[in-house]
PDB file of all heavy atoms in Angstrom:
ATOM      1  N   TYR A   1     -18.892   4.386  -3.948  1.00  0.00           N
ATOM      2  CA  TYR A   1     -17.742   3.683  -4.581  1.00  0.00           C
ATOM      3  C   TYR A   1     -17.796   2.104  -4.318  1.00  0.00           C
ATOM      4  O   TYR A   1     -18.447   1.698  -3.417  1.00  0.00           O
ATOM      5  CB  TYR A   1     -16.454   4.348  -3.992  1.00  0.00           C
ATOM      6  CG  TYR A   1     -16.275   4.057  -2.524  1.00  0.00           C
ATOM      7  CD1 TYR A   1     -15.652   2.998  -2.002  1.00  0.00           C
ATOM      8  CD2 TYR A   1     -16.891   4.885  -1.586  1.00  0.00           C
ATOM      9  CE1 TYR A   1     -15.461   2.779  -0.614  1.00  0.00           C
ATOM     10  CE2 TYR A   1     -16.834   4.724  -0.193  1.00  0.00           C
ATOM     11  CZ  TYR A   1     -16.093   3.687   0.328  1.00  0.00           C
ATOM     12  OH  TYR A   1     -16.000   3.428   1.614  1.00  0.00           O
ATOM     13  N   ASP A   2     -17.089   1.497  -5.167  1.00  0.00           N
ATOM     14  CA  ASP A   2     -17.023   0.075  -4.982  1.00  0.00           C
ATOM     15  C   ASP A   2     -15.699  -0.246  -4.122  1.00  0.00           C
ATOM     16  O   ASP A   2     -14.609  -0.017  -4.651  1.00  0.00           O
ATOM     17  CB  ASP A   2     -16.879  -0.658  -6.376  1.00  0.00           C
ATOM     18  CG  ASP A   2     -16.892  -2.176  -6.248  1.00  0.00           C
ATOM     19  OD1 ASP A   2     -16.126  -2.795  -5.499  1.00  0.00           O
ATOM     20  OD2 ASP A   2     -17.724  -2.705  -6.997  1.00  0.00           O
ATOM     21  N   VAL A   3     -15.867  -0.849  -3.002  1.00  0.00           N
ATOM     22  CA  VAL A   3     -14.808  -1.035  -2.013  1.00  0.00           C
ATOM     23  C   VAL A   3     -13.732  -2.027  -2.667  1.00  0.00           C
ATOM     24  O   VAL A   3     -12.486  -1.662  -2.658  1.00  0.00           O
ATOM     25  CB  VAL A   3     -15.277  -1.645  -0.712  1.00  0.00           C
ATOM     26  CG1 VAL A   3     -14.068  -1.960   0.222  1.00  0.00           C
ATOM     27  CG2 VAL A   3     -16.259  -0.705  -0.072  1.00  0.00           C
ATOM     28  N   ASN A   4     -14.098  -3.055  -3.232  1.00  0.00           N
ATOM     29  CA  ASN A   4     -13.252  -4.005  -3.897  1.00  0.00           C
ATOM     30  C   ASN A   4     -12.417  -3.422  -5.026  1.00  0.00           C
ATOM     31  O   ASN A   4     -11.229  -3.713  -5.036  1.00  0.00           O
ATOM     32  CB  ASN A   4     -13.980  -5.302  -4.368  1.00  0.00           C
ATOM     33  CG  ASN A   4     -14.508  -5.969  -3.244  1.00  0.00           C
ATOM     34  OD1 ASN A   4     -14.050  -6.172  -2.075  1.00  0.00           O
ATOM     35  ND2 ASN A   4     -15.728  -6.650  -3.392  1.00  0.00           N
ATOM     36  N   VAL A   5     -13.012  -2.658  -5.764  1.00  0.00           N
ATOM     37  CA  VAL A   5     -12.363  -2.029  -6.929  1.00  0.00           C
ATOM     38  C   VAL A   5     -11.286  -0.992  -6.371  1.00  0.00           C
ATOM     39  O   VAL A   5     -10.177  -0.967  -6.801  1.00  0.00           O
ATOM     40  CB  VAL A   5     -13.379  -1.353  -7.871  1.00  0.00           C
ATOM     41  CG1 VAL A   5     -12.618  -0.435  -8.933  1.00  0.00           C
ATOM     42  CG2 VAL A   5     -14.164  -2.357  -8.619  1.00  0.00           C
ATOM     43  N   PHE A   6     -11.711  -0.242  -5.418  1.00  0.00           N
ATOM     44  CA  PHE A   6     -10.951   0.708  -4.741  1.00  0.00           C
ATOM     45  C   PHE A   6      -9.629   0.126  -4.190  1.00  0.00           C
ATOM     46  O   PHE A   6      -8.512   0.478  -4.388  1.00  0.00           O
ATOM     47  CB  PHE A   6     -11.681   1.580  -3.737  1.00  0.00           C
ATOM     48  CG  PHE A   6     -10.790   2.564  -2.958  1.00  0.00           C
ATOM     49  CD1 PHE A   6     -10.587   3.877  -3.646  1.00  0.00           C
ATOM     50  CD2 PHE A   6     -10.240   2.382  -1.751  1.00  0.00           C
ATOM     51  CE1 PHE A   6      -9.769   4.802  -2.997  1.00  0.00           C
ATOM     52  CE2 PHE A   6      -9.418   3.301  -1.160  1.00  0.00           C
ATOM     53  CZ  PHE A   6      -9.224   4.520  -1.792  1.00  0.00           C
ATOM     54  N   LEU A   7      -9.832  -0.963  -3.432  1.00  0.00           N
ATOM     55  CA  LEU A   7      -8.691  -1.678  -2.691  1.00  0.00           C
ATOM     56  C   LEU A   7      -7.750  -2.305  -3.779  1.00  0.00           C
ATOM     57  O   LEU A   7      -6.555  -2.324  -3.582  1.00  0.00           O
ATOM     58  CB  LEU A   7      -9.263  -2.728  -1.784  1.00  0.00           C
ATOM     59  CG  LEU A   7      -9.866  -2.102  -0.453  1.00  0.00           C
ATOM     60  CD1 LEU A   7     -10.391  -3.305   0.321  1.00  0.00           C
ATOM     61  CD2 LEU A   7      -8.905  -1.294   0.305  1.00  0.00           C
ATOM     62  N   THR A   8      -8.388  -2.818  -4.876  1.00  0.00           N
ATOM     63  CA  THR A   8      -7.468  -3.377  -5.914  1.00  0.00           C
ATOM     64  C   THR A   8      -6.546  -2.284  -6.533  1.00  0.00           C
ATOM     65  O   THR A   8      -5.448  -2.552  -6.696  1.00  0.00           O
ATOM     66  CB  THR A   8      -8.351  -3.988  -7.012  1.00  0.00           C
ATOM     67  OG1 THR A   8      -9.144  -5.013  -6.467  1.00  0.00           O
ATOM     68  CG2 THR A   8      -7.469  -4.562  -8.131  1.00  0.00           C
ATOM     69  N   ILE A   9      -7.138  -1.163  -6.715  1.00  0.00           N
ATOM     70  CA  ILE A   9      -6.288   0.007  -7.334  1.00  0.00           C
ATOM     71  C   ILE A   9      -5.213   0.392  -6.337  1.00  0.00           C
ATOM     72  O   ILE A   9      -4.062   0.637  -6.674  1.00  0.00           O
ATOM     73  CB  ILE A   9      -7.184   1.137  -7.695  1.00  0.00           C
ATOM     74  CG1 ILE A   9      -8.161   0.801  -8.882  1.00  0.00           C
ATOM     75  CG2 ILE A   9      -6.414   2.320  -8.192  1.00  0.00           C
ATOM     76  CD1 ILE A   9      -9.129   1.776  -9.203  1.00  0.00           C
ATOM     77  N   LEU A  10      -5.692   0.481  -5.085  1.00  0.00           N
ATOM     78  CA  LEU A  10      -4.830   0.898  -3.962  1.00  0.00           C
ATOM     79  C   LEU A  10      -3.631  -0.055  -3.818  1.00  0.00           C
ATOM     80  O   LEU A  10      -2.487   0.263  -3.655  1.00  0.00           O
ATOM     81  CB  LEU A  10      -5.485   0.976  -2.689  1.00  0.00           C
ATOM     82  CG  LEU A  10      -4.912   1.911  -1.625  1.00  0.00           C
ATOM     83  CD1 LEU A  10      -4.842   3.419  -2.102  1.00  0.00           C
ATOM     84  CD2 LEU A  10      -5.806   1.884  -0.386  1.00  0.00           C
ATOM     85  N   LYS A  11      -3.904  -1.352  -3.923  1.00  0.00           N
ATOM     86  CA  LYS A  11      -2.908  -2.385  -3.799  1.00  0.00           C
ATOM     87  C   LYS A  11      -1.902  -2.247  -4.894  1.00  0.00           C
ATOM     88  O   LYS A  11      -0.614  -2.362  -4.687  1.00  0.00           O
ATOM     89  CB  LYS A  11      -3.595  -3.806  -3.865  1.00  0.00           C
ATOM     90  CG  LYS A  11      -2.639  -4.956  -3.547  1.00  0.00           C
ATOM     91  CD  LYS A  11      -3.381  -6.269  -3.398  1.00  0.00           C
ATOM     92  CE  LYS A  11      -2.459  -7.374  -3.017  1.00  0.00           C
ATOM     93  NZ  LYS A  11      -3.167  -8.652  -2.843  1.00  0.00           N
ATOM     94  N   GLN A  12      -2.339  -2.032  -6.194  1.00  0.00           N
ATOM     95  CA  GLN A  12      -1.439  -1.891  -7.200  1.00  0.00           C
ATOM     96  C   GLN A  12      -0.463  -0.707  -7.002  1.00  0.00           C
ATOM     97  O   GLN A  12       0.758  -0.776  -7.313  1.00  0.00           O
ATOM     98  CB  GLN A  12      -2.256  -1.629  -8.480  1.00  0.00           C
ATOM     99  CG  GLN A  12      -3.024  -2.868  -9.007  1.00  0.00           C
ATOM    100  CD  GLN A  12      -3.953  -2.622 -10.171  1.00  0.00           C
ATOM    101  OE1 GLN A  12      -4.102  -1.402 -10.559  1.00  0.00           O
ATOM    102  NE2 GLN A  12      -4.412  -3.679 -10.806  1.00  0.00           N
ATOM    103  N   ILE A  13      -1.016   0.350  -6.504  1.00  0.00           N
ATOM    104  CA  ILE A  13      -0.210   1.596  -6.252  1.00  0.00           C
ATOM    105  C   ILE A  13       0.875   1.366  -5.158  1.00  0.00           C
ATOM    106  O   ILE A  13       2.043   1.643  -5.398  1.00  0.00           O
ATOM    107  CB  ILE A  13      -1.101   2.854  -5.816  1.00  0.00           C
ATOM    108  CG1 ILE A  13      -2.017   3.249  -6.990  1.00  0.00           C
ATOM    109  CG2 ILE A  13      -0.302   3.930  -5.360  1.00  0.00           C
ATOM    110  CD1 ILE A  13      -3.018   4.195  -6.658  1.00  0.00           C
ATOM    111  N   LEU A  14       0.480   0.685  -4.109  1.00  0.00           N
ATOM    112  CA  LEU A  14       1.453   0.455  -3.032  1.00  0.00           C
ATOM    113  C   LEU A  14       2.389  -0.666  -3.276  1.00  0.00           C
ATOM    114  O   LEU A  14       3.474  -0.758  -2.606  1.00  0.00           O
ATOM    115  CB  LEU A  14       0.574   0.082  -1.730  1.00  0.00           C
ATOM    116  CG  LEU A  14      -0.255   1.237  -1.135  1.00  0.00           C
ATOM    117  CD1 LEU A  14      -0.893   0.852   0.081  1.00  0.00           C
ATOM    118  CD2 LEU A  14       0.474   2.503  -0.953  1.00  0.00           C
ATOM    119  N   ASN A  15       2.009  -1.564  -4.191  1.00  0.00           N
ATOM    120  CA  ASN A  15       3.058  -2.623  -4.558  1.00  0.00           C
ATOM    121  C   ASN A  15       4.052  -2.209  -5.693  1.00  0.00           C
ATOM    122  O   ASN A  15       5.062  -2.919  -5.972  1.00  0.00           O
ATOM    123  CB  ASN A  15       2.197  -3.918  -5.047  1.00  0.00           C
ATOM    124  CG  ASN A  15       1.567  -4.601  -3.863  1.00  0.00           C
ATOM    125  OD1 ASN A  15       2.092  -4.586  -2.740  1.00  0.00           O
ATOM    126  ND2 ASN A  15       0.623  -5.383  -4.205  1.00  0.00           N
ATOM    127  N   ASP A  16       3.771  -1.027  -6.265  1.00  0.00           N
ATOM    128  CA  ASP A  16       4.676  -0.499  -7.200  1.00  0.00           C
ATOM    129  C   ASP A  16       5.835   0.255  -6.517  1.00  0.00           C
ATOM    130  O   ASP A  16       5.637   1.312  -5.910  1.00  0.00           O
ATOM    131  CB  ASP A  16       4.014   0.415  -8.231  1.00  0.00           C
ATOM    132  CG  ASP A  16       4.768   0.857  -9.415  1.00  0.00           C
ATOM    133  OD1 ASP A  16       6.008   0.761  -9.349  1.00  0.00           O
ATOM    134  OD2 ASP A  16       4.271   1.310 -10.419  1.00  0.00           O
ATOM    135  N   LYS A  17       7.023  -0.288  -6.558  1.00  0.00           N
ATOM    136  CA  LYS A  17       8.114   0.283  -5.838  1.00  0.00           C
ATOM    137  C   LYS A  17       8.505   1.690  -6.235  1.00  0.00           C
ATOM    138  O   LYS A  17       9.034   2.457  -5.475  1.00  0.00           O
ATOM    139  CB  LYS A  17       9.357  -0.640  -5.947  1.00  0.00           C
ATOM    140  CG  LYS A  17       9.201  -1.928  -5.267  1.00  0.00           C
ATOM    141  CD  LYS A  17      10.438  -2.730  -5.336  1.00  0.00           C
ATOM    142  CE  LYS A  17      10.207  -4.059  -4.626  1.00  0.00           C
ATOM    143  NZ  LYS A  17      11.526  -4.989  -4.733  1.00  0.00           N
ATOM    144  N   LYS A  18       8.094   1.930  -7.525  1.00  0.00           N
ATOM    145  CA  LYS A  18       8.343   3.435  -8.097  1.00  0.00           C
ATOM    146  C   LYS A  18       7.602   4.500  -7.185  1.00  0.00           C
ATOM    147  O   LYS A  18       8.062   5.647  -7.105  1.00  0.00           O
ATOM    148  CB  LYS A  18       7.917   3.500  -9.463  1.00  0.00           C
ATOM    149  CG  LYS A  18       8.875   2.689 -10.432  1.00  0.00           C
ATOM    150  CD  LYS A  18       8.466   3.064 -11.875  1.00  0.00           C
ATOM    151  CE  LYS A  18       7.039   2.507 -12.187  1.00  0.00           C
ATOM    152  NZ  LYS A  18       6.829   2.568 -13.587  1.00  0.00           N
ATOM    153  N   ASN A  19       6.468   4.045  -6.520  1.00  0.00           N
ATOM    154  CA  ASN A  19       5.738   5.079  -5.829  1.00  0.00           C
ATOM    155  C   ASN A  19       6.251   5.180  -4.366  1.00  0.00           C
ATOM    156  O   ASN A  19       5.716   6.057  -3.747  1.00  0.00           O
ATOM    157  CB  ASN A  19       4.235   4.495  -5.712  1.00  0.00           C
ATOM    158  CG  ASN A  19       3.562   4.571  -7.185  1.00  0.00           C
ATOM    159  OD1 ASN A  19       3.808   5.451  -7.933  1.00  0.00           O
ATOM    160  ND2 ASN A  19       2.791   3.618  -7.451  1.00  0.00           N
ATOM    161  N   LEU A  20       7.181   4.368  -4.030  1.00  0.00           N
ATOM    162  CA  LEU A  20       7.663   4.308  -2.703  1.00  0.00           C
ATOM    163  C   LEU A  20       9.178   4.727  -2.576  1.00  0.00           C
ATOM    164  O   LEU A  20       9.764   4.764  -1.481  1.00  0.00           O
ATOM    165  CB  LEU A  20       7.447   2.923  -2.046  1.00  0.00           C
ATOM    166  CG  LEU A  20       6.112   2.265  -2.150  1.00  0.00           C
ATOM    167  CD1 LEU A  20       6.139   0.946  -1.586  1.00  0.00           C
ATOM    168  CD2 LEU A  20       5.073   3.185  -1.433  1.00  0.00           C
ATOM    169  N   VAL A  21       9.799   4.982  -3.718  1.00  0.00           N
ATOM    170  CA  VAL A  21      11.215   5.200  -3.820  1.00  0.00           C
ATOM    171  C   VAL A  21      11.720   6.342  -2.939  1.00  0.00           C
ATOM    172  O   VAL A  21      12.819   6.304  -2.417  1.00  0.00           O
ATOM    173  CB  VAL A  21      11.600   5.436  -5.338  1.00  0.00           C
ATOM    174  CG1 VAL A  21      11.093   6.748  -5.814  1.00  0.00           C
ATOM    175  CG2 VAL A  21      13.109   5.400  -5.368  1.00  0.00           C
ATOM    176  N   ASN A  22      10.787   7.327  -2.649  1.00  0.00           N
ATOM    177  CA  ASN A  22      11.252   8.569  -1.916  1.00  0.00           C
ATOM    178  C   ASN A  22      11.017   8.423  -0.467  1.00  0.00           C
ATOM    179  O   ASN A  22      11.305   9.351   0.316  1.00  0.00           O
ATOM    180  CB  ASN A  22      10.569   9.829  -2.491  1.00  0.00           C
ATOM    181  CG  ASN A  22      11.095  10.169  -3.799  1.00  0.00           C
ATOM    182  OD1 ASN A  22      12.225  10.006  -4.181  1.00  0.00           O
ATOM    183  ND2 ASN A  22      10.116  10.601  -4.670  1.00  0.00           N
ATOM    184  N   LEU A  23      10.553   7.271  -0.015  1.00  0.00           N
ATOM    185  CA  LEU A  23      10.270   7.079   1.456  1.00  0.00           C
ATOM    186  C   LEU A  23      11.492   6.588   2.192  1.00  0.00           C
ATOM    187  O   LEU A  23      12.215   5.768   1.739  1.00  0.00           O
ATOM    188  CB  LEU A  23       9.080   5.975   1.585  1.00  0.00           C
ATOM    189  CG  LEU A  23       7.740   6.310   0.900  1.00  0.00           C
ATOM    190  CD1 LEU A  23       6.763   5.236   1.220  1.00  0.00           C
ATOM    191  CD2 LEU A  23       7.135   7.660   1.404  1.00  0.00           C
ATOM    192  N   ASN A  24      11.638   7.105   3.358  1.00  0.00           N
ATOM    193  CA  ASN A  24      12.602   6.653   4.299  1.00  0.00           C
ATOM    194  C   ASN A  24      12.250   5.300   4.923  1.00  0.00           C
ATOM    195  O   ASN A  24      10.999   4.841   4.786  1.00  0.00           O
ATOM    196  CB  ASN A  24      13.076   7.705   5.384  1.00  0.00           C
ATOM    197  CG  ASN A  24      11.839   8.134   6.273  1.00  0.00           C
ATOM    198  OD1 ASN A  24      10.979   7.225   6.595  1.00  0.00           O
ATOM    199  ND2 ASN A  24      11.924   9.343   6.796  1.00  0.00           N
ATOM    200  N   GLN A  25      13.112   4.755   5.700  1.00  0.00           N
ATOM    201  CA  GLN A  25      12.860   3.367   6.323  1.00  0.00           C
ATOM    202  C   GLN A  25      11.772   3.427   7.252  1.00  0.00           C
ATOM    203  O   GLN A  25      10.829   2.507   7.307  1.00  0.00           O
ATOM    204  CB  GLN A  25      14.086   2.872   6.984  1.00  0.00           C
ATOM    205  CG  GLN A  25      13.963   1.484   7.631  1.00  0.00           C
ATOM    206  CD  GLN A  25      15.145   0.925   8.310  1.00  0.00           C
ATOM    207  OE1 GLN A  25      16.194   1.542   8.152  1.00  0.00           O
ATOM    208  NE2 GLN A  25      15.066  -0.195   8.918  1.00  0.00           N
ATOM    209  N   TYR A  26      11.575   4.517   8.073  1.00  0.00           N
ATOM    210  CA  TYR A  26      10.546   4.560   8.984  1.00  0.00           C
ATOM    211  C   TYR A  26       9.154   4.644   8.254  1.00  0.00           C
ATOM    212  O   TYR A  26       8.216   3.968   8.674  1.00  0.00           O
ATOM    213  CB  TYR A  26      10.726   5.988   9.765  1.00  0.00           C
ATOM    214  CG  TYR A  26       9.637   6.248  10.847  1.00  0.00           C
ATOM    215  CD1 TYR A  26       9.376   5.398  11.751  1.00  0.00           C
ATOM    216  CD2 TYR A  26       9.003   7.485  10.666  1.00  0.00           C
ATOM    217  CE1 TYR A  26       8.306   5.646  12.700  1.00  0.00           C
ATOM    218  CE2 TYR A  26       7.947   7.802  11.636  1.00  0.00           C
ATOM    219  CZ  TYR A  26       7.637   6.880  12.643  1.00  0.00           C
ATOM    220  OH  TYR A  26       6.738   7.202  13.566  1.00  0.00           O
ATOM    221  N   TYR A  27       8.955   5.502   7.257  1.00  0.00           N
ATOM    222  CA  TYR A  27       7.817   5.562   6.480  1.00  0.00           C
ATOM    223  C   TYR A  27       7.471   4.280   5.670  1.00  0.00           C
ATOM    224  O   TYR A  27       6.329   3.814   5.614  1.00  0.00           O
ATOM    225  CB  TYR A  27       7.780   6.777   5.460  1.00  0.00           C
ATOM    226  CG  TYR A  27       7.556   8.094   6.241  1.00  0.00           C
ATOM    227  CD1 TYR A  27       7.821   9.287   5.573  1.00  0.00           C
ATOM    228  CD2 TYR A  27       7.148   8.137   7.572  1.00  0.00           C
ATOM    229  CE1 TYR A  27       7.645  10.502   6.153  1.00  0.00           C
ATOM    230  CE2 TYR A  27       6.999   9.296   8.152  1.00  0.00           C
ATOM    231  CZ  TYR A  27       7.264  10.516   7.534  1.00  0.00           C
ATOM    232  OH  TYR A  27       6.950  11.743   8.076  1.00  0.00           O
ATOM    233  N   THR A  28       8.572   3.647   5.200  1.00  0.00           N
ATOM    234  CA  THR A  28       8.382   2.303   4.496  1.00  0.00           C
ATOM    235  C   THR A  28       7.858   1.296   5.446  1.00  0.00           C
ATOM    236  O   THR A  28       6.933   0.508   5.031  1.00  0.00           O
ATOM    237  CB  THR A  28       9.684   1.929   3.938  1.00  0.00           C
ATOM    238  OG1 THR A  28      10.261   2.830   2.978  1.00  0.00           O
ATOM    239  CG2 THR A  28       9.460   0.570   3.128  1.00  0.00           C
ATOM    240  N   GLU A  29       8.208   1.253   6.731  1.00  0.00           N
ATOM    241  CA  GLU A  29       7.599   0.292   7.625  1.00  0.00           C
ATOM    242  C   GLU A  29       6.222   0.541   7.967  1.00  0.00           C
ATOM    243  O   GLU A  29       5.395  -0.359   8.102  1.00  0.00           O
ATOM    244  CB  GLU A  29       8.490   0.383   8.865  1.00  0.00           C
ATOM    245  CG  GLU A  29       9.844  -0.191   8.870  1.00  0.00           C
ATOM    246  CD  GLU A  29      10.712   0.058  10.088  1.00  0.00           C
ATOM    247  OE1 GLU A  29      10.184   0.634  11.036  1.00  0.00           O
ATOM    248  OE2 GLU A  29      11.942  -0.496  10.026  1.00  0.00           O
ATOM    249  N   ILE A  30       5.793   1.831   7.930  1.00  0.00           N
ATOM    250  CA  ILE A  30       4.372   2.228   8.122  1.00  0.00           C
ATOM    251  C   ILE A  30       3.608   1.719   6.970  1.00  0.00           C
ATOM    252  O   ILE A  30       2.486   1.113   7.169  1.00  0.00           O
ATOM    253  CB  ILE A  30       4.264   3.727   8.302  1.00  0.00           C
ATOM    254  CG1 ILE A  30       4.887   4.142   9.607  1.00  0.00           C
ATOM    255  CG2 ILE A  30       2.769   4.100   8.394  1.00  0.00           C
ATOM    256  CD1 ILE A  30       4.803   5.592   9.891  1.00  0.00           C
ATOM    257  N   ILE A  31       4.134   1.893   5.740  1.00  0.00           N
ATOM    258  CA  ILE A  31       3.457   1.384   4.570  1.00  0.00           C
ATOM    259  C   ILE A  31       3.189  -0.107   4.589  1.00  0.00           C
ATOM    260  O   ILE A  31       2.174  -0.686   4.205  1.00  0.00           O
ATOM    261  CB  ILE A  31       4.179   1.821   3.290  1.00  0.00           C
ATOM    262  CG1 ILE A  31       3.920   3.269   2.980  1.00  0.00           C
ATOM    263  CG2 ILE A  31       3.724   0.880   1.988  1.00  0.00           C
ATOM    264  CD1 ILE A  31       2.549   3.693   2.557  1.00  0.00           C
ATOM    265  N   ASP A  32       4.160  -0.889   5.087  1.00  0.00           N
ATOM    266  CA  ASP A  32       4.106  -2.260   5.289  1.00  0.00           C
ATOM    267  C   ASP A  32       2.980  -2.647   6.237  1.00  0.00           C
ATOM    268  O   ASP A  32       2.164  -3.593   5.976  1.00  0.00           O
ATOM    269  CB  ASP A  32       5.402  -2.826   5.823  1.00  0.00           C
ATOM    270  CG  ASP A  32       6.559  -2.900   4.801  1.00  0.00           C
ATOM    271  OD1 ASP A  32       6.226  -2.743   3.598  1.00  0.00           O
ATOM    272  OD2 ASP A  32       7.677  -2.930   5.187  1.00  0.00           O
ATOM    273  N   TYR A  33       2.781  -1.932   7.333  1.00  0.00           N
ATOM    274  CA  TYR A  33       1.649  -2.094   8.228  1.00  0.00           C
ATOM    275  C   TYR A  33       0.333  -1.930   7.549  1.00  0.00           C
ATOM    276  O   TYR A  33      -0.683  -2.629   7.782  1.00  0.00           O
ATOM    277  CB  TYR A  33       1.790  -1.180   9.431  1.00  0.00           C
ATOM    278  CG  TYR A  33       2.897  -1.596  10.500  1.00  0.00           C
ATOM    279  CD1 TYR A  33       3.721  -0.636  10.997  1.00  0.00           C
ATOM    280  CD2 TYR A  33       3.074  -2.860  10.732  1.00  0.00           C
ATOM    281  CE1 TYR A  33       4.694  -0.987  11.854  1.00  0.00           C
ATOM    282  CE2 TYR A  33       4.146  -3.244  11.632  1.00  0.00           C
ATOM    283  CZ  TYR A  33       4.910  -2.249  12.211  1.00  0.00           C
ATOM    284  OH  TYR A  33       5.928  -2.658  13.107  1.00  0.00           O
ATOM    285  N   VAL A  34       0.266  -0.723   6.815  1.00  0.00           N
ATOM    286  CA  VAL A  34      -0.935  -0.392   5.987  1.00  0.00           C
ATOM    287  C   VAL A  34      -1.273  -1.571   5.041  1.00  0.00           C
ATOM    288  O   VAL A  34      -2.476  -1.924   5.027  1.00  0.00           O
ATOM    289  CB  VAL A  34      -0.730   0.936   5.284  1.00  0.00           C
ATOM    290  CG1 VAL A  34      -1.842   1.094   4.321  1.00  0.00           C
ATOM    291  CG2 VAL A  34      -0.536   2.066   6.165  1.00  0.00           C
ATOM    292  N   LYS A  35      -0.278  -2.043   4.310  1.00  0.00           N
ATOM    293  CA  LYS A  35      -0.641  -3.085   3.412  1.00  0.00           C
ATOM    294  C   LYS A  35      -1.060  -4.405   4.084  1.00  0.00           C
ATOM    295  O   LYS A  35      -1.984  -5.078   3.642  1.00  0.00           O
ATOM    296  CB  LYS A  35       0.659  -3.435   2.550  1.00  0.00           C
ATOM    297  CG  LYS A  35       0.928  -2.248   1.609  1.00  0.00           C
ATOM    298  CD  LYS A  35       2.396  -2.337   1.041  1.00  0.00           C
ATOM    299  CE  LYS A  35       2.619  -3.553   0.187  1.00  0.00           C
ATOM    300  NZ  LYS A  35       3.989  -3.614  -0.396  1.00  0.00           N
ATOM    301  N   GLU A  36      -0.422  -4.680   5.164  1.00  0.00           N
ATOM    302  CA  GLU A  36      -0.809  -5.900   5.975  1.00  0.00           C
ATOM    303  C   GLU A  36      -2.267  -5.787   6.445  1.00  0.00           C
ATOM    304  O   GLU A  36      -3.064  -6.792   6.352  1.00  0.00           O
ATOM    305  CB  GLU A  36       0.068  -6.156   7.098  1.00  0.00           C
ATOM    306  CG  GLU A  36      -0.157  -7.345   7.928  1.00  0.00           C
ATOM    307  CD  GLU A  36       0.697  -7.531   9.093  1.00  0.00           C
ATOM    308  OE1 GLU A  36       1.850  -6.759   9.078  1.00  0.00           O
ATOM    309  OE2 GLU A  36       0.529  -8.382   9.945  1.00  0.00           O
ATOM    310  N   ASP A  37      -2.662  -4.596   6.891  1.00  0.00           N
ATOM    311  CA  ASP A  37      -3.984  -4.437   7.503  1.00  0.00           C
ATOM    312  C   ASP A  37      -4.993  -4.295   6.349  1.00  0.00           C
ATOM    313  O   ASP A  37      -6.219  -4.933   6.611  1.00  0.00           O
ATOM    314  CB  ASP A  37      -4.036  -3.205   8.312  1.00  0.00           C
ATOM    315  CG  ASP A  37      -3.309  -3.310   9.585  1.00  0.00           C
ATOM    316  OD1 ASP A  37      -2.890  -4.393  10.072  1.00  0.00           O
ATOM    317  OD2 ASP A  37      -3.141  -2.332  10.279  1.00  0.00           O
ATOM    318  N   LEU A  38      -4.755  -3.725   5.298  1.00  0.00           N
ATOM    319  CA  LEU A  38      -5.725  -3.553   4.178  1.00  0.00           C
ATOM    320  C   LEU A  38      -5.887  -4.738   3.275  1.00  0.00           C
ATOM    321  O   LEU A  38      -7.073  -5.051   2.864  1.00  0.00           O
ATOM    322  CB  LEU A  38      -5.427  -2.255   3.394  1.00  0.00           C
ATOM    323  CG  LEU A  38      -5.520  -0.962   4.021  1.00  0.00           C
ATOM    324  CD1 LEU A  38      -5.056   0.171   3.060  1.00  0.00           C
ATOM    325  CD2 LEU A  38      -6.878  -0.669   4.632  1.00  0.00           C
ATOM    326  N   PHE A  39      -4.852  -5.474   3.046  1.00  0.00           N
ATOM    327  CA  PHE A  39      -4.877  -6.515   2.005  1.00  0.00           C
ATOM    328  C   PHE A  39      -4.726  -7.825   2.522  1.00  0.00           C
ATOM    329  O   PHE A  39      -4.744  -8.899   1.800  1.00  0.00           O
ATOM    330  CB  PHE A  39      -3.817  -6.240   1.014  1.00  0.00           C
ATOM    331  CG  PHE A  39      -3.842  -4.872   0.446  1.00  0.00           C
ATOM    332  CD1 PHE A  39      -2.593  -4.099   0.392  1.00  0.00           C
ATOM    333  CD2 PHE A  39      -4.979  -4.251   0.035  1.00  0.00           C
ATOM    334  CE1 PHE A  39      -2.588  -2.807  -0.071  1.00  0.00           C
ATOM    335  CE2 PHE A  39      -5.061  -2.915  -0.431  1.00  0.00           C
ATOM    336  CZ  PHE A  39      -3.840  -2.186  -0.459  1.00  0.00           C
ATOM    337  N   SER A  40      -4.547  -8.094   3.914  1.00  0.00           N
ATOM    338  CA  SER A  40      -4.486  -9.447   4.491  1.00  0.00           C
ATOM    339  C   SER A  40      -5.100  -9.294   5.856  1.00  0.00           C
ATOM    340  O   SER A  40      -5.997  -8.457   6.172  1.00  0.00           O
ATOM    341  CB  SER A  40      -3.002  -9.815   4.670  1.00  0.00           C
ATOM    342  OG  SER A  40      -2.282  -8.985   5.555  1.00  0.00           O
ATOM    343  N   LYS A  41      -4.925 -10.319   6.641  1.00  0.00           N
ATOM    344  CA  LYS A  41      -5.739 -10.521   7.862  1.00  0.00           C
ATOM    345  C   LYS A  41      -5.242  -9.481   8.943  1.00  0.00           C
ATOM    346  O   LYS A  41      -5.923  -9.289   9.955  1.00  0.00           O
ATOM    347  CB  LYS A  41      -5.707 -11.847   8.413  1.00  0.00           C
ATOM    348  CG  LYS A  41      -6.369 -12.917   7.536  1.00  0.00           C
ATOM    349  CD  LYS A  41      -6.312 -14.244   8.266  1.00  0.00           C
ATOM    350  CE  LYS A  41      -7.189 -15.249   7.292  1.00  0.00           C
ATOM    351  NZ  LYS A  41      -6.979 -16.562   7.906  1.00  0.00           N
TER     352      LYS A  41
END
């Protein structure tokens, strides 16, 4: 697999609020950590 292509698709999914609408605050905070680690420093 192409890492960059995969991460680009993953970023789009996690930045779409429709995909996160059913998450409670606790899980939303974990997603924020995931995004920070995968897509930034």
